Amino acid sequence: MRLSRYFLPLLKETPASAEIASHRFMLRAGMVKQHSAGIYSWLPLGLKVMNKIADIVREEQERAGAVEMLMPTIQPAELWRESGRYDDYGKEMLRIEDRSGRALLYGPTNEEMLTDIFRTFVRSYKDLPQLLYHIQWKFRDEVRPRFGVMRGREFLMKDSYSFDIDMDAAVISYNKMFVAYLNTFARLGLQAVPMRADTGPIGGDLSHEFLILADTGESEVFCHADLLELDAPGAVDFGADLQAIVNERTALYARTEEMHDAEIFAKDVPKDKQVSARGIEVGHIFCFGDKYSKPMGAKVMGPDGKEHFAQMGSYGIGVSRLVGGIIEASHDEAGIIWPLSVAPFGAGILNLRAGDDDTDKACEDIYAKLGAAGIDPLYDDKADRGGVKFSRMDLIGLPFQIIVGPRGLKDGIVEVKTRKTGERQNLTPSEAVNFIVQQFKGIS
């Protein structure tokens, strides 16, 4: 993409309402436009990142055996009355009526709707387990929307739902999602720690939040330091017993502030291993049995010839929230530092003398070669001063910058800057292309 043809409305000044780094940089880098409290348009740069995150989430869901579908954002209120949650959910639910006076709501989550789908079509244990998901916009009327997309009112969410014949099988589905989440966040360049969490309005007794530690986190979290050293399980057989992986993450103390027990923490965790920090929630999983299937009559015929209420779980990842979460975990004073897996463009090409035949030709050649290699470069072909170009590239956070100027070209070299480390190296144009292509090998 040529910058001269791209819509990238940068802001020079930080809006006063932006309290945290992700909010500041998303507004300044032209990723989003705020319309009202907690409501944003996603501009091209922000949408590109969000789509890359959604692609990784989708790939890991499907590796774990989940099947994609799509449900509507507007739901009939009677489904929520059946489950008993319509009055319990609170003012966060946006309740509306259509022109015929039918009660509707803008869905904050989809347990009821998918239970209704399940009870309509699934009758036998032979059709289990079922693991379905979608990626869809949600709405929760937050009392105090803040921190940009980290706590907005409208947000993009991946939510998946499992249905099993009994609780033992339901825990197997839960473990699949637990492991899929570990792999998802690792691919996004995040160290997300699963912590025992309160189930809230979703319900059930088994629940974990996945949190990234950051000073701007909304809640206090407590965990054993060794959890921060564990790698993601990577390629696993989701048909195998995953309990060993889950046990490794859950045997050590890790709880949100709602579930924290100071006495147990002090007794079970050595002083030098106690971590007390702020956390940003990026995922939440639940196993809640028949909380929805029982009141809504979602039964299946079991192998014993008797009807059983389906045992259910639900599993959420805040896709749009992750854009902000990644920035909170990866930025400096100059701007964003994108992990290679979700960077909106793989590299930026800075033409320091646009209109000069030699620099134009060199930039065009690098642009074509990077594009052919699948790197998707952003070519800054604008006639701006060098300082403006450098600041702009640092702000939007592309992993690599290739700086092309007439002085270096006289010696047959360009400068390559690695955004994360600040390291600079002089290379020939061909070496610069090869260097960047090599950095992306193995990144999926």
Protein backbone atom coordinates (compact mmCIF):
# COMPACT_ATOMS: atom_id res chain seq x y z
CA MET A 1 0.00 0.00 0.00
CA ARG A 2 1.22 3.50 -0.88
CA LEU A 3 0.77 5.96 1.94
CA SER A 4 -0.32 8.65 -0.53
CA ARG A 5 -3.38 6.49 -1.31
CA TYR A 6 -4.10 5.25 2.20
CA PHE A 7 -6.52 6.70 4.74
CA LEU A 8 -4.36 7.31 7.82
CA PRO A 9 -5.69 10.33 9.76
CA LEU A 10 -3.01 10.88 12.41
CA LEU A 11 -3.45 13.25 15.35
CA LYS A 12 -0.59 15.46 16.53
CA GLU A 13 -2.04 16.00 19.98
CA THR A 14 -3.35 13.42 22.41
CA PRO A 15 -7.06 13.93 23.24
CA ALA A 16 -7.61 14.81 26.90
CA SER A 17 -9.99 11.88 27.36
CA ALA A 18 -7.29 9.30 26.56
CA GLU A 19 -6.05 8.00 29.93
CA ILE A 20 -3.96 4.99 28.94
CA ALA A 21 -1.36 4.20 26.27
CA SER A 22 -3.57 2.07 24.03
CA HIS A 23 -6.30 4.71 23.91
CA ARG A 24 -3.78 7.47 23.20
CA PHE A 25 -1.97 5.63 20.45
CA MET A 26 -5.07 4.20 18.78
CA LEU A 27 -6.50 7.70 18.44
CA ARG A 28 -3.22 9.31 17.41
CA ALA A 29 -2.35 6.54 14.92
CA GLY A 30 -5.71 6.86 13.18
CA MET A 31 -6.88 3.38 14.15
CA VAL A 32 -10.27 4.40 15.53
CA LYS A 33 -12.64 7.35 15.62
CA GLN A 34 -14.65 7.84 18.80
CA HIS A 35 -18.28 8.89 18.27
CA SER A 36 -19.57 8.73 21.83
CA ALA A 37 -18.66 7.07 25.12
CA GLY A 38 -17.56 3.53 24.32
CA ILE A 39 -18.61 3.67 20.63
CA TYR A 40 -15.95 3.66 17.89
CA SER A 41 -15.55 3.41 14.16
CA TRP A 42 -12.65 1.17 13.20
CA LEU A 43 -10.55 2.96 10.59
CA PRO A 44 -8.43 1.05 8.04
CA LEU A 45 -5.28 0.61 10.17
CA GLY A 46 -7.22 -0.50 13.25
CA LEU A 47 -9.49 -2.80 11.26
CA LYS A 48 -6.50 -4.46 9.64
CA VAL A 49 -5.00 -5.33 13.02
CA MET A 50 -8.34 -6.50 14.41
CA ASN A 51 -8.91 -8.75 11.39
CA LYS A 52 -5.48 -10.34 11.86
CA ILE A 53 -6.28 -11.03 15.50
CA ALA A 54 -9.64 -12.53 14.50
CA ASP A 55 -7.91 -14.78 11.96
CA ILE A 56 -5.57 -16.19 14.62
CA VAL A 57 -8.45 -16.68 17.05
CA ARG A 58 -10.43 -18.45 14.31
CA GLU A 59 -7.53 -20.74 13.36
CA GLU A 60 -6.98 -21.84 16.96
CA GLN A 61 -10.68 -22.43 17.54
CA GLU A 62 -10.87 -24.66 14.51
CA ARG A 63 -7.69 -26.52 15.47
CA ALA A 64 -9.47 -27.38 18.72
CA GLY A 65 -12.47 -28.71 16.80
CA ALA A 66 -14.87 -25.76 17.04
CA VAL A 67 -17.19 -25.09 14.09
CA GLU A 68 -17.98 -21.53 13.01
CA MET A 69 -21.47 -20.10 12.61
CA LEU A 70 -23.05 -16.66 13.02
CA MET A 71 -25.93 -15.51 15.22
CA PRO A 72 -27.78 -12.17 15.10
CA THR A 73 -26.87 -9.24 17.31
CA ILE A 74 -30.55 -8.62 18.19
CA GLN A 75 -32.14 -11.34 20.31
CA PRO A 76 -35.75 -11.98 21.42
CA ALA A 77 -36.26 -11.25 25.10
CA GLU A 78 -38.36 -14.39 25.63
CA LEU A 79 -35.27 -16.58 25.35
CA TRP A 80 -33.68 -14.71 28.24
CA ARG A 81 -36.93 -14.91 30.21
CA GLU A 82 -36.85 -18.69 29.75
CA SER A 83 -33.36 -18.91 31.24
CA GLY A 84 -34.26 -16.49 34.03
CA ARG A 85 -31.54 -13.98 33.10
CA TYR A 86 -33.61 -11.23 31.53
CA ASP A 87 -34.27 -9.43 34.81
CA ASP A 88 -31.06 -10.55 36.50
CA TYR A 89 -28.56 -9.25 33.94
CA GLY A 90 -28.91 -5.60 34.96
CA LYS A 91 -28.71 -2.27 33.18
CA GLU A 92 -25.75 -3.38 31.07
CA MET A 93 -28.29 -5.04 28.78
CA LEU A 94 -29.74 -2.71 26.15
CA ARG A 95 -33.46 -3.54 26.05
CA ILE A 96 -35.48 -2.40 23.03
CA GLU A 97 -38.87 -2.92 21.33
CA ASP A 98 -39.68 -3.34 17.67
CA ARG A 99 -42.59 -1.54 15.98
CA SER A 100 -44.97 -4.32 17.03
CA GLY A 101 -44.06 -3.94 20.68
CA ARG A 102 -42.04 -7.17 20.87
CA ALA A 103 -39.32 -7.07 23.52
CA LEU A 104 -35.82 -7.44 22.08
CA LEU A 105 -32.29 -6.87 23.30
CA TYR A 106 -28.89 -6.13 21.81
CA GLY A 107 -27.02 -9.29 22.78
CA PRO A 108 -24.27 -9.03 25.40
CA THR A 109 -23.63 -12.80 25.03
CA ASN A 110 -25.33 -15.77 23.33
CA GLU A 111 -25.88 -18.66 25.78
CA GLU A 112 -29.68 -18.53 25.41
CA MET A 113 -29.72 -18.22 21.64
CA LEU A 114 -27.37 -21.12 21.07
CA THR A 115 -29.23 -23.27 23.60
CA ASP A 116 -32.36 -22.60 21.55
CA ILE A 117 -30.56 -23.67 18.37
CA PHE A 118 -29.25 -26.79 20.09
CA ARG A 119 -32.63 -27.90 21.46
CA THR A 120 -34.19 -27.48 18.02
CA PHE A 121 -31.77 -29.74 16.17
CA VAL A 122 -29.90 -32.08 18.53
CA ARG A 123 -31.75 -35.05 20.05
CA SER A 124 -29.23 -37.80 20.76
CA TYR A 125 -25.95 -38.32 22.60
CA LYS A 126 -24.67 -39.69 19.28
CA ASP A 127 -24.58 -36.09 18.01
CA LEU A 128 -22.36 -34.99 20.89
CA PRO A 129 -20.05 -33.36 21.67
CA GLN A 130 -20.88 -30.11 19.88
CA LEU A 131 -18.54 -27.13 19.95
CA LEU A 132 -19.76 -24.08 18.03
CA TYR A 133 -18.44 -20.52 17.82
CA HIS A 134 -18.86 -17.21 16.10
CA ILE A 135 -17.12 -13.84 15.97
CA GLN A 136 -19.73 -11.13 16.36
CA TRP A 137 -20.36 -7.62 17.67
CA LYS A 138 -21.80 -7.38 21.18
CA PHE A 139 -23.17 -4.52 23.27
CA ARG A 140 -23.01 -3.96 27.00
CA ASP A 141 -24.14 -0.62 28.35
CA GLU A 142 -21.20 -0.06 30.68
CA VAL A 143 -21.81 2.29 33.59
CA ARG A 144 -18.47 3.94 32.94
CA PRO A 145 -17.00 3.19 29.51
CA ARG A 146 -13.33 4.17 29.55
CA PHE A 147 -9.83 3.26 28.43
CA GLY A 148 -10.83 3.29 24.77
CA VAL A 149 -11.57 -0.14 23.32
CA MET A 150 -10.47 -1.79 26.56
CA ARG A 151 -13.86 -1.02 28.10
CA GLY A 152 -16.16 0.04 25.32
CA ARG A 153 -19.88 -0.52 24.99
CA GLU A 154 -19.83 -2.10 21.54
CA PHE A 155 -17.12 -4.70 20.97
CA LEU A 156 -16.15 -7.61 18.74
CA MET A 157 -16.09 -10.92 20.56
CA LYS A 158 -15.37 -14.55 19.80
CA ASP A 159 -17.75 -16.66 21.83
CA SER A 160 -17.92 -20.43 21.63
CA TYR A 161 -20.28 -22.90 23.30
CA SER A 162 -19.91 -26.57 24.13
CA PHE A 163 -22.62 -29.21 24.63
CA ASP A 164 -21.88 -32.60 26.18
CA ILE A 165 -23.76 -35.57 27.60
CA ASP A 166 -22.30 -35.35 31.12
CA MET A 167 -19.99 -33.26 33.27
CA ASP A 168 -16.92 -35.43 32.64
CA ALA A 169 -17.30 -34.83 28.91
CA ALA A 170 -18.00 -31.13 29.54
CA VAL A 171 -14.68 -30.77 31.36
CA ILE A 172 -12.91 -32.30 28.35
CA SER A 173 -14.44 -29.57 26.15
CA TYR A 174 -13.43 -26.98 28.75
CA ASN A 175 -9.85 -28.24 28.69
CA LYS A 176 -9.76 -28.00 24.89
CA MET A 177 -10.68 -24.34 25.06
CA PHE A 178 -8.24 -23.75 27.92
CA VAL A 179 -5.36 -25.06 25.79
CA ALA A 180 -6.60 -23.32 22.63
CA TYR A 181 -6.56 -20.03 24.53
CA LEU A 182 -2.97 -20.55 25.69
CA ASN A 183 -1.90 -21.07 22.07
CA THR A 184 -3.99 -18.16 20.79
CA PHE A 185 -2.48 -15.60 23.13
CA ALA A 186 1.05 -16.89 22.56
CA ARG A 187 0.62 -16.39 18.81
CA LEU A 188 -0.51 -12.84 19.54
CA GLY A 189 2.75 -12.19 21.39
CA LEU A 190 1.08 -12.10 24.80
CA GLN A 191 1.84 -13.78 28.12
CA ALA A 192 -1.72 -14.45 29.26
CA VAL A 193 -2.06 -16.13 32.65
CA PRO A 194 -5.19 -18.22 33.37
CA MET A 195 -6.59 -17.35 36.79
CA ARG A 196 -9.47 -18.78 38.78
CA ALA A 197 -12.28 -16.28 38.39
CA ASP A 198 -15.75 -15.34 39.53
CA THR A 199 -18.46 -16.63 37.18
CA GLY A 200 -20.61 -13.49 37.45
CA PRO A 201 -23.88 -13.39 35.46
CA ILE A 202 -22.79 -16.26 33.18
CA GLY A 203 -23.00 -18.75 36.05
CA GLY A 204 -21.45 -22.09 37.00
CA ASP A 205 -18.68 -23.18 39.36
CA LEU A 206 -15.68 -23.57 37.01
CA SER A 207 -14.25 -20.48 35.39
CA HIS A 208 -10.88 -18.98 34.41
CA GLU A 209 -9.98 -15.53 33.19
CA PHE A 210 -6.93 -15.10 30.96
CA LEU A 211 -5.11 -11.94 31.96
CA ILE A 212 -2.07 -10.05 30.76
CA LEU A 213 -0.18 -8.19 33.45
CA ALA A 214 -0.02 -4.43 32.88
CA ASP A 215 0.08 -1.37 35.10
CA THR A 216 -3.11 -0.13 33.45
CA GLY A 217 -5.06 -3.30 34.27
CA GLU A 218 -8.48 -2.73 35.77
CA SER A 219 -8.27 -5.34 38.51
CA GLU A 220 -5.68 -6.65 40.94
CA VAL A 221 -4.47 -10.20 40.39
CA PHE A 222 -2.35 -12.59 42.43
CA CYS A 223 -0.28 -15.50 41.14
CA HIS A 224 2.79 -17.69 41.50
CA ALA A 225 5.74 -16.24 39.56
CA ASP A 226 6.52 -19.58 37.90
CA LEU A 227 3.33 -19.26 35.84
CA LEU A 228 4.93 -16.34 34.00
CA GLU A 229 7.72 -18.60 32.75
CA LEU A 230 5.57 -21.29 31.10
CA ASP A 231 5.51 -21.53 27.32
CA ALA A 232 2.36 -22.20 25.32
CA PRO A 233 1.76 -25.89 24.60
CA GLY A 234 1.93 -25.29 20.84
CA ALA A 235 0.93 -28.13 18.52
CA VAL A 236 -1.07 -30.60 20.59
CA ASP A 237 -3.42 -33.47 19.87
CA PHE A 238 -6.81 -32.11 20.87
CA GLY A 239 -8.17 -35.63 20.80
CA ALA A 240 -5.80 -36.59 23.62
CA ASP A 241 -6.07 -36.05 27.38
CA LEU A 242 -5.26 -32.36 27.93
CA GLN A 243 -5.60 -32.51 31.69
CA ALA A 244 -1.81 -32.55 32.23
CA ILE A 245 -1.43 -29.19 30.47
CA VAL A 246 -4.36 -27.71 32.39
CA ASN A 247 -3.04 -29.07 35.70
CA GLU A 248 0.34 -27.46 35.09
CA ARG A 249 -1.38 -24.05 34.83
CA THR A 250 -3.93 -24.53 37.61
CA ALA A 251 -1.86 -26.30 40.28
CA LEU A 252 -0.10 -23.05 41.16
CA TYR A 253 -1.93 -20.15 42.80
CA ALA A 254 -3.49 -17.71 40.33
CA ARG A 255 -6.66 -15.79 41.14
CA THR A 256 -8.45 -12.58 40.35
CA GLU A 257 -9.17 -10.21 43.22
CA GLU A 258 -12.73 -11.52 43.58
CA MET A 259 -11.41 -15.04 44.21
CA HIS A 260 -8.23 -14.10 46.08
CA ASP A 261 -7.60 -15.64 49.52
CA ALA A 262 -4.77 -13.84 51.29
CA GLU A 263 -4.20 -16.64 53.81
CA ILE A 264 -3.86 -19.36 51.16
CA PHE A 265 -1.67 -17.09 49.03
CA ALA A 266 0.70 -16.45 51.96
CA LYS A 267 0.78 -20.13 52.97
CA ASP A 268 1.09 -21.81 49.55
CA VAL A 269 3.29 -19.36 47.65
CA PRO A 270 6.88 -18.65 48.78
CA LYS A 271 7.49 -14.98 49.49
CA ASP A 272 9.94 -14.59 46.62
CA LYS A 273 7.41 -16.14 44.20
CA GLN A 274 4.41 -13.99 45.13
CA VAL A 275 3.22 -11.75 42.29
CA SER A 276 0.66 -9.05 42.98
CA ALA A 277 -0.09 -6.96 39.90
CA ARG A 278 -2.74 -5.35 37.75
CA GLY A 279 -4.33 -7.46 35.02
CA ILE A 280 -6.15 -6.91 31.75
CA GLU A 281 -8.75 -9.56 30.96
CA VAL A 282 -8.49 -10.80 27.37
CA GLY A 283 -10.45 -14.05 27.66
CA HIS A 284 -12.89 -15.80 29.99
CA ILE A 285 -14.08 -19.42 29.95
CA PHE A 286 -16.92 -21.08 31.87
CA CYS A 287 -18.24 -24.56 32.54
CA PHE A 288 -21.78 -24.24 33.97
CA GLY A 289 -23.52 -27.58 33.50
CA ASP A 290 -27.27 -27.35 32.96
CA LYS A 291 -27.74 -23.70 34.02
CA TYR A 292 -29.31 -22.91 30.62
CA SER A 293 -30.25 -26.34 29.25
CA LYS A 294 -32.47 -27.20 32.23
CA PRO A 295 -34.78 -24.14 32.26
CA MET A 296 -34.84 -24.10 28.45
CA GLY A 297 -35.50 -27.83 28.07
CA ALA A 298 -32.41 -28.69 26.03
CA LYS A 299 -32.35 -32.48 26.43
CA VAL A 300 -30.71 -35.34 24.58
CA MET A 301 -31.36 -39.07 24.73
CA GLY A 302 -28.46 -40.76 26.48
CA PRO A 303 -26.91 -44.21 25.90
CA ASP A 304 -29.00 -45.42 28.86
CA GLY A 305 -32.23 -44.66 27.00
CA LYS A 306 -33.04 -41.73 29.29
CA GLU A 307 -33.20 -38.01 28.58
CA HIS A 308 -30.40 -35.86 29.95
CA PHE A 309 -30.01 -32.11 30.09
CA ALA A 310 -27.00 -31.07 28.01
CA GLN A 311 -23.95 -30.02 30.02
CA MET A 312 -22.67 -26.72 28.68
CA GLY A 313 -19.76 -24.32 28.68
CA SER A 314 -19.07 -20.95 27.07
CA TYR A 315 -15.77 -19.36 26.11
CA GLY A 316 -15.15 -15.72 25.22
CA ILE A 317 -12.25 -13.75 23.75
CA GLY A 318 -12.49 -9.98 23.33
CA VAL A 319 -11.15 -9.58 19.80
CA SER A 320 -11.44 -5.79 19.65
CA ARG A 321 -10.26 -5.52 23.26
CA LEU A 322 -7.13 -7.46 22.32
CA VAL A 323 -6.04 -4.65 19.98
CA GLY A 324 -5.77 -2.40 23.02
CA GLY A 325 -4.33 -5.16 25.19
CA ILE A 326 -1.48 -5.84 22.76
CA ILE A 327 -0.63 -2.14 22.65
CA GLU A 328 -0.61 -1.95 26.46
CA ALA A 329 1.86 -4.83 26.50
CA SER A 330 4.01 -3.57 23.62
CA HIS A 331 4.72 0.15 23.21
CA ASP A 332 7.23 2.86 24.06
CA GLU A 333 7.13 6.65 24.28
CA ALA A 334 7.20 6.99 20.49
CA GLY A 335 4.27 4.72 19.77
CA ILE A 336 3.10 1.17 19.18
CA ILE A 337 5.37 -1.87 18.69
CA TRP A 338 3.34 -4.53 16.89
CA PRO A 339 4.19 -8.24 17.16
CA LEU A 340 4.92 -9.64 13.71
CA SER A 341 1.79 -11.82 13.75
CA VAL A 342 -0.68 -8.91 13.87
CA ALA A 343 1.22 -5.95 12.43
CA PRO A 344 -0.99 -4.05 9.96
CA PHE A 345 1.93 -3.94 7.50
CA GLY A 346 5.09 -6.02 7.69
CA ALA A 347 7.47 -3.15 6.97
CA GLY A 348 7.51 0.53 6.18
CA ILE A 349 9.53 1.93 3.28
CA LEU A 350 10.56 5.56 3.84
CA ASN A 351 11.51 7.51 0.74
CA LEU A 352 13.54 10.43 2.07
CA ARG A 353 13.51 12.25 -1.25
CA ALA A 354 10.27 11.51 -3.05
CA GLY A 355 10.52 12.64 -6.66
CA ASP A 356 14.23 11.83 -6.98
CA ASP A 357 14.71 9.28 -9.75
CA ASP A 358 17.20 7.11 -7.88
CA THR A 359 15.34 6.98 -4.54
CA ASP A 360 12.00 6.48 -6.28
CA LYS A 361 13.40 3.59 -8.33
CA ALA A 362 15.03 1.93 -5.31
CA CYS A 363 11.86 2.26 -3.22
CA GLU A 364 9.66 0.89 -6.00
CA ASP A 365 11.96 -2.11 -6.39
CA ILE A 366 11.97 -2.85 -2.64
CA TYR A 367 8.18 -2.35 -2.52
CA ALA A 368 7.61 -4.82 -5.33
CA LYS A 369 9.95 -7.47 -3.90
CA LEU A 370 8.51 -7.29 -0.38
CA GLY A 371 4.99 -7.50 -1.77
CA ALA A 372 5.90 -10.52 -3.89
CA ALA A 373 7.29 -12.19 -0.76
CA GLY A 374 3.98 -11.66 1.10
CA ILE A 375 5.30 -9.04 3.54
CA ASP A 376 2.63 -6.40 2.67
CA PRO A 377 4.71 -3.21 2.94
CA LEU A 378 3.54 0.36 3.51
CA TYR A 379 5.43 2.68 1.16
CA ASP A 380 5.75 6.24 2.50
CA ASP A 381 5.93 8.03 -0.84
CA LYS A 382 4.82 11.39 0.56
CA ALA A 383 6.93 14.54 0.13
CA ASP A 384 7.27 15.14 3.89
CA ARG A 385 10.37 15.94 5.89
CA GLY A 386 12.40 13.01 7.18
CA GLY A 387 11.53 13.76 10.80
CA VAL A 388 7.81 13.58 10.02
CA LYS A 389 8.27 10.24 8.29
CA PHE A 390 10.31 8.77 11.16
CA SER A 391 7.77 9.87 13.79
CA ARG A 392 4.86 8.57 11.76
CA MET A 393 6.42 5.12 11.32
CA ASP A 394 7.36 4.88 15.00
CA LEU A 395 3.83 5.87 16.01
CA ILE A 396 2.05 3.24 13.92
CA GLY A 397 4.54 0.61 15.06
CA LEU A 398 5.43 -1.44 11.98
CA PRO A 399 8.04 -4.07 12.89
CA PHE A 400 10.67 -2.87 10.37
CA GLN A 401 11.53 0.32 8.56
CA ILE A 402 13.62 0.53 5.39
CA ILE A 403 14.99 4.05 5.09
CA VAL A 404 16.00 5.01 1.56
CA GLY A 405 17.91 8.24 0.91
CA PRO A 406 20.18 9.58 -1.82
CA ARG A 407 23.26 9.66 0.43
CA GLY A 408 23.10 5.98 1.28
CA LEU A 409 22.20 4.94 -2.24
CA LYS A 410 25.44 6.49 -3.52
CA ASP A 411 27.19 3.79 -1.51
CA GLY A 412 24.63 1.17 -2.54
CA ILE A 413 22.99 0.87 0.90
CA VAL A 414 19.74 1.54 2.73
CA GLU A 415 19.15 1.63 6.49
CA VAL A 416 16.97 -0.98 8.18
CA LYS A 417 15.50 -0.22 11.61
CA THR A 418 13.97 -2.87 13.86
CA ARG A 419 11.15 -1.11 15.71
CA LYS A 420 11.18 -3.34 18.80
CA THR A 421 14.88 -2.99 19.63
CA GLY A 422 15.75 0.23 17.83
CA GLU A 423 18.66 -1.58 16.17
CA ARG A 424 19.79 -0.04 12.88
CA GLN A 425 21.89 -1.67 10.18
CA ASN A 426 23.16 -0.65 6.75
CA LEU A 427 22.40 -3.20 4.05
CA THR A 428 22.13 -3.34 0.30
CA PRO A 429 18.53 -3.13 -0.92
CA SER A 430 18.54 -6.87 -1.71
CA GLU A 431 19.97 -7.70 1.72
CA ALA A 432 17.32 -5.52 3.35
CA VAL A 433 14.51 -7.38 1.60
CA ASN A 434 16.03 -10.77 2.46
CA PHE A 435 16.54 -9.77 6.10
CA ILE A 436 12.89 -8.82 6.55
CA VAL A 437 11.59 -11.87 4.69
CA GLN A 438 13.66 -14.09 6.99
CA GLN A 439 12.19 -12.44 10.10
CA PHE A 440 8.69 -13.41 9.03
CA LYS A 441 9.52 -17.05 8.30
CA GLY A 442 7.57 -19.30 10.63
CA ILE A 443 5.22 -16.49 11.71
CA SER A 444 1.61 -17.52 11.24
